[in-house]
Structure formats: C-alpha cells, structure tokens
C-alpha cells in the first residue's frame, strides 16, 4: 500500500499544477533566465498569455514576486534530518564571548573635543592628584 501511495504522489508531481501560482512557481527558473537575458516581466507575461495562461499582469507580477521571495521548500527524501545537522548541538548564545557595548565604548573613548570625566574626590579636584592618607 505504501508503494502505491508513493507512486501516486510521484505521478502527481508529473502533472501540471492546478493553481496559477503553482504554474508560475514551476516555470520560475525559465522566468529568471529570461529576466537575466534582459526581457521584461511584461513581455514574459504576454508570452504566457499567448499560450493560454490567462491572468492579469498585476496578478502575474504578484505570483512571480511571491515565488521569488518564498522559494519552494522541499522535504528531506528519507524523512530524516540532514546528516550535517545530526549529532551536532548548536552552540548556546551565552557561550559566545562578545561585548555588546564594545562599539559604543570605542566611540566614546575616541570622540573629539573636551570631555568632562568628573571625579568626586576633592583632593583630585583641588590638587590634581590624590594624597596618601597614611603619610
């Protein structure tokens, strides 16, 4: 029974899509090649309408843009995860050694002009240096 289902699905993939967006998605590589060759979307739409693909120009542009923006996702053939992702745990975000404020600190240290870097110590303010308390 499983083999019959697989064959039926394989046969389904050989048939023409029933939706307009499915048809555009199926011919998207040819559309991309024509666009790279210098043809406009409008000229491609006119050719498609000439062979029986009935849609408005606005809808055709929508179908093409959707197909280009969201490429068709395919499932793995065996129903399992890719071998590259198996047995490999993603690195936790906390273990990455980075300082999120590094750019701000660097810019703050190198900004031009006068900068008041105040201190609360009266000896430093009055005398310019801190006196030893023990002496």
Foldseek 3Di string as FASTA:
>chain_A
DVVVVVVVVVVVVVDQDPDLLSNCLVCLVVVVVVVVVPDDLVVVVVVCVVVPSDDDSVVSVVSNVVCVVDPDDDADPVNDDDPVPPPDDDDDPVPDDDDPCPVVVVCVVPPDDDDDPDDPDVCCVPVVDDDDPVD
